[in-house]
Amino acid sequence: MKKLIYVLAVVALVFAGCKSTTYKIEGSVQNVSQDGDFVYIKERINRVWTSIDSVKITDGKFSFTGECDSARVVYIFIENADGEEIREP
């Protein structure tokens, strides 16, 4: 009986944890000269980078918020002044 209650509690926690469909990504840049530049969330679809969202860097910080319908692997892109793209999964 105790094992059944334990299993049901674990299952309830798993479903409660999977309920959220929102995300929040916060970050900062060390290079102050990038204020006003944009940070992008991109996904690679059929070998093409597709922008999902973008925000402007303000005071060295940026923040994304939104809703998602499924788990995906996406990348955060920042382009330097010399045109070099930095991306992190």
PDB file of N, CA and C in Angstrom:
ATOM      1  N   MET A   1       0.824  -1.200   0.000  1.00  0.00           N
ATOM      2  CA  MET A   1       0.000   0.000   0.000  1.00  0.00           C
ATOM      3  C   MET A   1       0.865   1.260   0.000  1.00  0.00           C
ATOM      4  N   LYS A   2       1.933   1.234   0.832  1.00  0.00           N
ATOM      5  CA  LYS A   2       2.808   2.405   0.889  1.00  0.00           C
ATOM      6  C   LYS A   2       3.515   2.622  -0.443  1.00  0.00           C
ATOM      7  N   LYS A   3       3.878   1.535  -1.121  1.00  0.00           N
ATOM      8  CA  LYS A   3       4.539   1.654  -2.420  1.00  0.00           C
ATOM      9  C   LYS A   3       3.606   2.269  -3.452  1.00  0.00           C
ATOM     10  N   LEU A   4       2.335   1.899  -3.401  1.00  0.00           N
ATOM     11  CA  LEU A   4       1.359   2.452  -4.337  1.00  0.00           C
ATOM     12  C   LEU A   4       1.198   3.952  -4.125  1.00  0.00           C
ATOM     13  N   ILE A   5       1.126   4.382  -2.886  1.00  0.00           N
ATOM     14  CA  ILE A   5       0.994   5.814  -2.585  1.00  0.00           C
ATOM     15  C   ILE A   5       2.242   6.556  -3.049  1.00  0.00           C
ATOM     16  N   TYR A   6       3.409   5.962  -2.834  1.00  0.00           N
ATOM     17  CA  TYR A   6       4.659   6.576  -3.267  1.00  0.00           C
ATOM     18  C   TYR A   6       4.694   6.725  -4.787  1.00  0.00           C
ATOM     19  N   VAL A   7       4.313   5.695  -5.510  1.00  0.00           N
ATOM     20  CA  VAL A   7       4.301   5.732  -6.971  1.00  0.00           C
ATOM     21  C   VAL A   7       3.321   6.783  -7.475  1.00  0.00           C
ATOM     22  N   LEU A   8       2.147   6.856  -6.884  1.00  0.00           N
ATOM     23  CA  LEU A   8       1.157   7.857  -7.290  1.00  0.00           C
ATOM     24  C   LEU A   8       1.657   9.271  -7.014  1.00  0.00           C
ATOM     25  N   ALA A   9       2.367   9.459  -5.907  1.00  0.00           N
ATOM     26  CA  ALA A   9       2.915  10.783  -5.593  1.00  0.00           C
ATOM     27  C   ALA A   9       3.972  11.187  -6.615  1.00  0.00           C
ATOM     28  N   VAL A  10       4.816  10.250  -7.008  1.00  0.00           N
ATOM     29  CA  VAL A  10       5.852  10.539  -7.999  1.00  0.00           C
ATOM     30  C   VAL A  10       5.217  10.872  -9.344  1.00  0.00           C
ATOM     31  N   VAL A  11       4.214  10.117  -9.742  1.00  0.00           N
ATOM     32  CA  VAL A  11       3.526  10.378 -11.006  1.00  0.00           C
ATOM     33  C   VAL A  11       2.868  11.756 -10.976  1.00  0.00           C
ATOM     34  N   ALA A  12       2.265  12.125  -9.867  1.00  0.00           N
ATOM     35  CA  ALA A  12       1.636  13.442  -9.749  1.00  0.00           C
ATOM     36  C   ALA A  12       2.679  14.547  -9.866  1.00  0.00           C
ATOM     37  N   LEU A  13       3.844  14.364  -9.275  1.00  0.00           N
ATOM     38  CA  LEU A  13       4.906  15.368  -9.380  1.00  0.00           C
ATOM     39  C   LEU A  13       5.418  15.500 -10.805  1.00  0.00           C
ATOM     40  N   VAL A  14       5.534  14.393 -11.504  1.00  0.00           N
ATOM     41  CA  VAL A  14       5.985  14.434 -12.890  1.00  0.00           C
ATOM     42  C   VAL A  14       4.997  15.217 -13.751  1.00  0.00           C
ATOM     43  N   PHE A  15       3.721  14.953 -13.588  1.00  0.00           N
ATOM     44  CA  PHE A  15       2.722  15.683 -14.369  1.00  0.00           C
ATOM     45  C   PHE A  15       2.683  17.155 -13.985  1.00  0.00           C
ATOM     46  N   ALA A  16       2.864  17.461 -12.719  1.00  0.00           N
ATOM     47  CA  ALA A  16       2.883  18.861 -12.287  1.00  0.00           C
ATOM     48  C   ALA A  16       4.093  19.579 -12.878  1.00  0.00           C
ATOM     49  N   GLY A  17       5.225  18.894 -12.976  1.00  0.00           N
ATOM     50  CA  GLY A  17       6.425  19.493 -13.540  1.00  0.00           C
ATOM     51  C   GLY A  17       6.337  19.705 -15.033  1.00  0.00           C
ATOM     52  N   CYS A  18       5.562  18.928 -15.726  1.00  0.00           N
ATOM     53  CA  CYS A  18       5.433  19.036 -17.175  1.00  0.00           C
ATOM     54  C   CYS A  18       4.357  20.024 -17.599  1.00  0.00           C
ATOM     55  N   LYS A  19       3.676  20.608 -16.659  1.00  0.00           N
ATOM     56  CA  LYS A  19       2.533  21.457 -16.967  1.00  0.00           C
ATOM     57  C   LYS A  19       2.930  22.821 -17.540  1.00  0.00           C
ATOM     58  N   SER A  20       4.054  23.363 -17.135  1.00  0.00           N
ATOM     59  CA  SER A  20       4.454  24.697 -17.546  1.00  0.00           C
ATOM     60  C   SER A  20       4.803  24.743 -19.029  1.00  0.00           C
ATOM     61  N   THR A  21       4.308  25.756 -19.722  1.00  0.00           N
ATOM     62  CA  THR A  21       4.625  25.938 -21.135  1.00  0.00           C
ATOM     63  C   THR A  21       5.318  27.278 -21.376  1.00  0.00           C
ATOM     64  N   THR A  22       5.772  27.915 -20.328  1.00  0.00           N
ATOM     65  CA  THR A  22       6.445  29.204 -20.477  1.00  0.00           C
ATOM     66  C   THR A  22       7.936  29.044 -20.230  1.00  0.00           C
ATOM     67  N   TYR A  23       8.698  29.981 -20.773  1.00  0.00           N
ATOM     68  CA  TYR A  23      10.138  29.982 -20.549  1.00  0.00           C
ATOM     69  C   TYR A  23      10.620  31.393 -20.299  1.00  0.00           C
ATOM     70  N   LYS A  24      11.759  31.499 -19.624  1.00  0.00           N
ATOM     71  CA  LYS A  24      12.413  32.787 -19.404  1.00  0.00           C
ATOM     72  C   LYS A  24      13.916  32.538 -19.476  1.00  0.00           C
ATOM     73  N   ILE A  25      14.574  33.263 -20.366  1.00  0.00           N
ATOM     74  CA  ILE A  25      16.022  33.166 -20.542  1.00  0.00           C
ATOM     75  C   ILE A  25      16.603  34.542 -20.267  1.00  0.00           C
ATOM     76  N   GLU A  26      17.508  34.621 -19.300  1.00  0.00           N
ATOM     77  CA  GLU A  26      18.157  35.883 -18.973  1.00  0.00           C
ATOM     78  C   GLU A  26      19.652  35.727 -19.191  1.00  0.00           C
ATOM     79  N   GLY A  27      20.300  36.776 -19.644  1.00  0.00           N
ATOM     80  CA  GLY A  27      21.734  36.712 -19.871  1.00  0.00           C
ATOM     81  C   GLY A  27      22.366  38.078 -19.820  1.00  0.00           C
ATOM     82  N   SER A  28      23.677  38.087 -19.884  1.00  0.00           N
ATOM     83  CA  SER A  28      24.410  39.347 -19.882  1.00  0.00           C
ATOM     84  C   SER A  28      25.620  39.215 -20.803  1.00  0.00           C
ATOM     85  N   VAL A  29      26.110  40.347 -21.267  1.00  0.00           N
ATOM     86  CA  VAL A  29      27.303  40.390 -22.106  1.00  0.00           C
ATOM     87  C   VAL A  29      28.363  41.205 -21.382  1.00  0.00           C
ATOM     88  N   GLN A  30      29.610  40.844 -21.587  1.00  0.00           N
ATOM     89  CA  GLN A  30      30.700  41.554 -20.918  1.00  0.00           C
ATOM     90  C   GLN A  30      31.135  42.783 -21.697  1.00  0.00           C
ATOM     91  N   ASN A  31      30.899  42.781 -22.994  1.00  0.00           N
ATOM     92  CA  ASN A  31      31.323  43.878 -23.849  1.00  0.00           C
ATOM     93  C   ASN A  31      30.257  44.969 -23.848  1.00  0.00           C
ATOM     94  N   VAL A  32      30.540  46.077 -23.174  1.00  0.00           N
ATOM     95  CA  VAL A  32      29.563  47.161 -23.041  1.00  0.00           C
ATOM     96  C   VAL A  32      29.237  47.793 -24.390  1.00  0.00           C
ATOM     97  N   SER A  33      30.146  47.695 -25.354  1.00  0.00           N
ATOM     98  CA  SER A  33      29.911  48.295 -26.664  1.00  0.00           C
ATOM     99  C   SER A  33      28.792  47.589 -27.426  1.00  0.00           C
ATOM    100  N   GLN A  34      28.318  46.450 -26.930  1.00  0.00           N
ATOM    101  CA  GLN A  34      27.233  45.739 -27.605  1.00  0.00           C
ATOM    102  C   GLN A  34      25.854  46.233 -27.186  1.00  0.00           C
ATOM    103  N   ASP A  35      25.772  47.229 -26.305  1.00  0.00           N
ATOM    104  CA  ASP A  35      24.471  47.798 -25.964  1.00  0.00           C
ATOM    105  C   ASP A  35      23.791  48.304 -27.234  1.00  0.00           C
ATOM    106  N   GLY A  36      22.542  47.964 -27.395  1.00  0.00           N
ATOM    107  CA  GLY A  36      21.791  48.338 -28.582  1.00  0.00           C
ATOM    108  C   GLY A  36      21.807  47.263 -29.657  1.00  0.00           C
ATOM    109  N   ASP A  37      22.728  46.311 -29.562  1.00  0.00           N
ATOM    110  CA  ASP A  37      22.745  45.183 -30.500  1.00  0.00           C
ATOM    111  C   ASP A  37      21.632  44.209 -30.139  1.00  0.00           C
ATOM    112  N   PHE A  38      21.366  43.291 -31.040  1.00  0.00           N
ATOM    113  CA  PHE A  38      20.299  42.314 -30.811  1.00  0.00           C
ATOM    114  C   PHE A  38      20.860  40.937 -30.516  1.00  0.00           C
ATOM    115  N   VAL A  39      20.110  40.203 -29.704  1.00  0.00           N
ATOM    116  CA  VAL A  39      20.382  38.801 -29.407  1.00  0.00           C
ATOM    117  C   VAL A  39      19.217  38.030 -30.005  1.00  0.00           C
ATOM    118  N   TYR A  40      19.519  36.927 -30.671  1.00  0.00           N
ATOM    119  CA  TYR A  40      18.493  36.154 -31.366  1.00  0.00           C
ATOM    120  C   TYR A  40      18.393  34.744 -30.800  1.00  0.00           C
ATOM    121  N   ILE A  41      17.185  34.198 -30.774  1.00  0.00           N
ATOM    122  CA  ILE A  41      16.984  32.768 -30.572  1.00  0.00           C
ATOM    123  C   ILE A  41      16.710  32.203 -31.953  1.00  0.00           C
ATOM    124  N   LYS A  42      17.555  31.238 -32.357  1.00  0.00           N
ATOM    125  CA  LYS A  42      17.407  30.647 -33.686  1.00  0.00           C
ATOM    126  C   LYS A  42      17.355  29.132 -33.583  1.00  0.00           C
ATOM    127  N   GLU A  43      16.661  28.548 -34.548  1.00  0.00           N
ATOM    128  CA  GLU A  43      16.558  27.105 -34.653  1.00  0.00           C
ATOM    129  C   GLU A  43      16.990  26.703 -36.060  1.00  0.00           C
ATOM    130  N   ARG A  44      17.693  25.591 -36.159  1.00  0.00           N
ATOM    131  CA  ARG A  44      18.130  25.128 -37.479  1.00  0.00           C
ATOM    132  C   ARG A  44      17.079  24.176 -38.033  1.00  0.00           C
ATOM    133  N   ILE A  45      16.420  24.616 -39.101  1.00  0.00           N
ATOM    134  CA  ILE A  45      15.375  23.827 -39.745  1.00  0.00           C
ATOM    135  C   ILE A  45      15.793  23.606 -41.192  1.00  0.00           C
ATOM    136  N   ASN A  46      15.923  22.346 -41.589  1.00  0.00           N
ATOM    137  CA  ASN A  46      16.349  21.983 -42.949  1.00  0.00           C
ATOM    138  C   ASN A  46      17.623  22.705 -43.357  1.00  0.00           C
ATOM    139  N   ARG A  47      18.601  22.718 -42.450  1.00  0.00           N
ATOM    140  CA  ARG A  47      19.919  23.313 -42.673  1.00  0.00           C
ATOM    141  C   ARG A  47      19.904  24.827 -42.843  1.00  0.00           C
ATOM    142  N   VAL A  48      18.834  25.479 -42.420  1.00  0.00           N
ATOM    143  CA  VAL A  48      18.726  26.933 -42.501  1.00  0.00           C
ATOM    144  C   VAL A  48      18.438  27.460 -41.101  1.00  0.00           C
ATOM    145  N   TRP A  49      19.203  28.477 -40.655  1.00  0.00           N
ATOM    146  CA  TRP A  49      18.954  29.089 -39.354  1.00  0.00           C
ATOM    147  C   TRP A  49      17.735  29.991 -39.449  1.00  0.00           C
ATOM    148  N   THR A  50      16.735  29.716 -38.623  1.00  0.00           N
ATOM    149  CA  THR A  50      15.484  30.461 -38.618  1.00  0.00           C
ATOM    150  C   THR A  50      15.342  31.191 -37.288  1.00  0.00           C
ATOM    151  N   SER A  51      15.123  32.517 -37.344  1.00  0.00           N
ATOM    152  CA  SER A  51      14.951  33.300 -36.119  1.00  0.00           C
ATOM    153  C   SER A  51      13.588  33.032 -35.498  1.00  0.00           C
ATOM    154  N   ILE A  52      13.592  32.794 -34.191  1.00  0.00           N
ATOM    155  CA  ILE A  52      12.353  32.577 -33.458  1.00  0.00           C
ATOM    156  C   ILE A  52      11.967  33.830 -32.683  1.00  0.00           C
ATOM    157  N   ASP A  53      12.968  34.492 -32.096  1.00  0.00           N
ATOM    158  CA  ASP A  53      12.714  35.687 -31.295  1.00  0.00           C
ATOM    159  C   ASP A  53      13.990  36.514 -31.241  1.00  0.00           C
ATOM    160  N   SER A  54      13.856  37.794 -30.919  1.00  0.00           N
ATOM    161  CA  SER A  54      15.020  38.658 -30.754  1.00  0.00           C
ATOM    162  C   SER A  54      14.724  39.717 -29.702  1.00  0.00           C
ATOM    163  N   VAL A  55      15.778  40.144 -29.003  1.00  0.00           N
ATOM    164  CA  VAL A  55      15.667  41.230 -28.021  1.00  0.00           C
ATOM    165  C   VAL A  55      16.900  42.108 -28.133  1.00  0.00           C
ATOM    166  N   LYS A  56      16.770  43.337 -27.670  1.00  0.00           N
ATOM    167  CA  LYS A  56      17.876  44.284 -27.709  1.00  0.00           C
ATOM    168  C   LYS A  56      18.652  44.210 -26.385  1.00  0.00           C
ATOM    169  N   ILE A  57      19.978  44.312 -26.474  1.00  0.00           N
ATOM    170  CA  ILE A  57      20.822  44.351 -25.282  1.00  0.00           C
ATOM    171  C   ILE A  57      20.734  45.744 -24.680  1.00  0.00           C
ATOM    172  N   THR A  58      20.384  45.806 -23.395  1.00  0.00           N
ATOM    173  CA  THR A  58      20.268  47.080 -22.688  1.00  0.00           C
ATOM    174  C   THR A  58      21.071  46.990 -21.396  1.00  0.00           C
ATOM    175  N   ASP A  59      21.988  47.910 -21.199  1.00  0.00           N
ATOM    176  CA  ASP A  59      22.855  47.917 -20.009  1.00  0.00           C
ATOM    177  C   ASP A  59      23.583  46.592 -19.829  1.00  0.00           C
ATOM    178  N   GLY A  60      23.949  45.955 -20.928  1.00  0.00           N
ATOM    179  CA  GLY A  60      24.695  44.710 -20.876  1.00  0.00           C
ATOM    180  C   GLY A  60      23.865  43.479 -20.548  1.00  0.00           C
ATOM    181  N   LYS A  61      22.534  43.613 -20.533  1.00  0.00           N
ATOM    182  CA  LYS A  61      21.663  42.490 -20.174  1.00  0.00           C
ATOM    183  C   LYS A  61      20.580  42.288 -21.219  1.00  0.00           C
ATOM    184  N   PHE A  62      20.075  41.054 -21.285  1.00  0.00           N
ATOM    185  CA  PHE A  62      18.955  40.751 -22.164  1.00  0.00           C
ATOM    186  C   PHE A  62      18.086  39.692 -21.515  1.00  0.00           C
ATOM    187  N   SER A  63      16.821  39.621 -21.944  1.00  0.00           N
ATOM    188  CA  SER A  63      15.889  38.660 -21.362  1.00  0.00           C
ATOM    189  C   SER A  63      14.845  38.268 -22.398  1.00  0.00           C
ATOM    190  N   PHE A  64      14.643  36.966 -22.553  1.00  0.00           N
ATOM    191  CA  PHE A  64      13.598  36.418 -23.419  1.00  0.00           C
ATOM    192  C   PHE A  64      12.512  35.811 -22.530  1.00  0.00           C
ATOM    193  N   THR A  65      11.265  36.024 -22.875  1.00  0.00           N
ATOM    194  CA  THR A  65      10.155  35.319 -22.234  1.00  0.00           C
ATOM    195  C   THR A  65       9.171  34.912 -23.309  1.00  0.00           C
ATOM    196  N   GLY A  66       8.504  33.811 -23.099  1.00  0.00           N
ATOM    197  CA  GLY A  66       7.532  33.373 -24.086  1.00  0.00           C
ATOM    198  C   GLY A  66       6.908  32.049 -23.714  1.00  0.00           C
ATOM    199  N   GLU A  67       6.167  31.506 -24.654  1.00  0.00           N
ATOM    200  CA  GLU A  67       5.518  30.219 -24.465  1.00  0.00           C
ATOM    201  C   GLU A  67       6.016  29.258 -25.528  1.00  0.00           C
ATOM    202  N   CYS A  68       6.089  27.986 -25.162  1.00  0.00           N
ATOM    203  CA  CYS A  68       6.504  26.968 -26.113  1.00  0.00           C
ATOM    204  C   CYS A  68       5.541  25.792 -26.034  1.00  0.00           C
ATOM    205  N   ASP A  69       5.340  25.158 -27.163  1.00  0.00           N
ATOM    206  CA  ASP A  69       4.405  24.035 -27.216  1.00  0.00           C
ATOM    207  C   ASP A  69       5.096  22.688 -27.138  1.00  0.00           C
ATOM    208  N   SER A  70       6.434  22.679 -27.314  1.00  0.00           N
ATOM    209  CA  SER A  70       7.183  21.424 -27.244  1.00  0.00           C
ATOM    210  C   SER A  70       8.641  21.739 -26.928  1.00  0.00           C
ATOM    211  N   ALA A  71       9.382  20.720 -26.549  1.00  0.00           N
ATOM    212  CA  ALA A  71      10.808  20.893 -26.272  1.00  0.00           C
ATOM    213  C   ALA A  71      11.570  20.939 -27.596  1.00  0.00           C
ATOM    214  N   ARG A  72      12.501  21.891 -27.716  1.00  0.00           N
ATOM    215  CA  ARG A  72      13.317  22.023 -28.921  1.00  0.00           C
ATOM    216  C   ARG A  72      14.721  22.430 -28.522  1.00  0.00           C
ATOM    217  N   VAL A  73      15.671  22.116 -29.364  1.00  0.00           N
ATOM    218  CA  VAL A  73      17.033  22.596 -29.170  1.00  0.00           C
ATOM    219  C   VAL A  73      17.176  23.851 -30.020  1.00  0.00           C
ATOM    220  N   VAL A  74      17.422  24.970 -29.365  1.00  0.00           N
ATOM    221  CA  VAL A  74      17.588  26.244 -30.054  1.00  0.00           C
ATOM    222  C   VAL A  74      18.920  26.856 -29.626  1.00  0.00           C
ATOM    223  N   TYR A  75      19.342  27.872 -30.333  1.00  0.00           N
ATOM    224  CA  TYR A  75      20.611  28.527 -30.059  1.00  0.00           C
ATOM    225  C   TYR A  75      20.392  30.008 -29.837  1.00  0.00           C
ATOM    226  N   ILE A  76      21.249  30.597 -29.005  1.00  0.00           N
ATOM    227  CA  ILE A  76      21.257  32.039 -28.800  1.00  0.00           C
ATOM    228  C   ILE A  76      22.397  32.599 -29.638  1.00  0.00           C
ATOM    229  N   PHE A  77      22.089  33.544 -30.508  1.00  0.00           N
ATOM    230  CA  PHE A  77      23.066  34.161 -31.415  1.00  0.00           C
ATOM    231  C   PHE A  77      23.313  35.601 -31.003  1.00  0.00           C
ATOM    232  N   ILE A  78      24.579  35.986 -31.010  1.00  0.00           N
ATOM    233  CA  ILE A  78      24.976  37.387 -30.859  1.00  0.00           C
ATOM    234  C   ILE A  78      26.004  37.651 -31.952  1.00  0.00           C
ATOM    235  N   GLU A  79      25.832  38.736 -32.665  1.00  0.00           N
ATOM    236  CA  GLU A  79      26.784  39.088 -33.718  1.00  0.00           C
ATOM    237  C   GLU A  79      27.674  40.217 -33.233  1.00  0.00           C
ATOM    238  N   ASN A  80      28.994  40.001 -33.301  1.00  0.00           N
ATOM    239  CA  ASN A  80      29.960  41.028 -32.901  1.00  0.00           C
ATOM    240  C   ASN A  80      30.009  42.148 -33.933  1.00  0.00           C
ATOM    241  N   ALA A  81      30.694  43.220 -33.575  1.00  0.00           N
ATOM    242  CA  ALA A  81      30.835  44.362 -34.480  1.00  0.00           C
ATOM    243  C   ALA A  81      31.604  43.983 -35.738  1.00  0.00           C
ATOM    244  N   ASP A  82      32.522  43.007 -35.644  1.00  0.00           N
ATOM    245  CA  ASP A  82      33.290  42.588 -36.817  1.00  0.00           C
ATOM    246  C   ASP A  82      32.558  41.547 -37.657  1.00  0.00           C
ATOM    247  N   GLY A  83      31.304  41.240 -37.331  1.00  0.00           N
ATOM    248  CA  GLY A  83      30.501  40.314 -38.111  1.00  0.00           C
ATOM    249  C   GLY A  83      30.584  38.876 -37.650  1.00  0.00           C
ATOM    250  N   GLU A  84      31.403  38.590 -36.644  1.00  0.00           N
ATOM    251  CA  GLU A  84      31.520  37.221 -36.131  1.00  0.00           C
ATOM    252  C   GLU A  84      30.281  36.861 -35.294  1.00  0.00           C
ATOM    253  N   GLU A  85      29.711  35.702 -35.599  1.00  0.00           N
ATOM    254  CA  GLU A  85      28.523  35.238 -34.851  1.00  0.00           C
ATOM    255  C   GLU A  85      28.956  34.313 -33.736  1.00  0.00           C
ATOM    256  N   ILE A  86      28.430  34.569 -32.556  1.00  0.00           N
ATOM    257  CA  ILE A  86      28.655  33.711 -31.396  1.00  0.00           C
ATOM    258  C   ILE A  86      27.332  33.012 -31.131  1.00  0.00           C
ATOM    259  N   ARG A  87      27.358  31.694 -30.992  1.00  0.00           N
ATOM    260  CA  ARG A  87      26.120  30.984 -30.723  1.00  0.00           C
ATOM    261  C   ARG A  87      26.336  29.964 -29.622  1.00  0.00           C
ATOM    262  N   GLU A  88      25.342  29.843 -28.778  1.00  0.00           N
ATOM    263  CA  GLU A  88      25.349  28.899 -27.667  1.00  0.00           C
ATOM    264  C   GLU A  88      24.033  28.151 -27.654  1.00  0.00           C
ATOM    265  N   PRO A  89      24.078  26.817 -27.480  1.00  0.00           N
ATOM    266  CA  PRO A  89      22.809  26.064 -27.422  1.00  0.00           C
ATOM    267  C   PRO A  89      22.073  26.321 -26.124  1.00  0.00           C
TER     268      PRO A  89
END
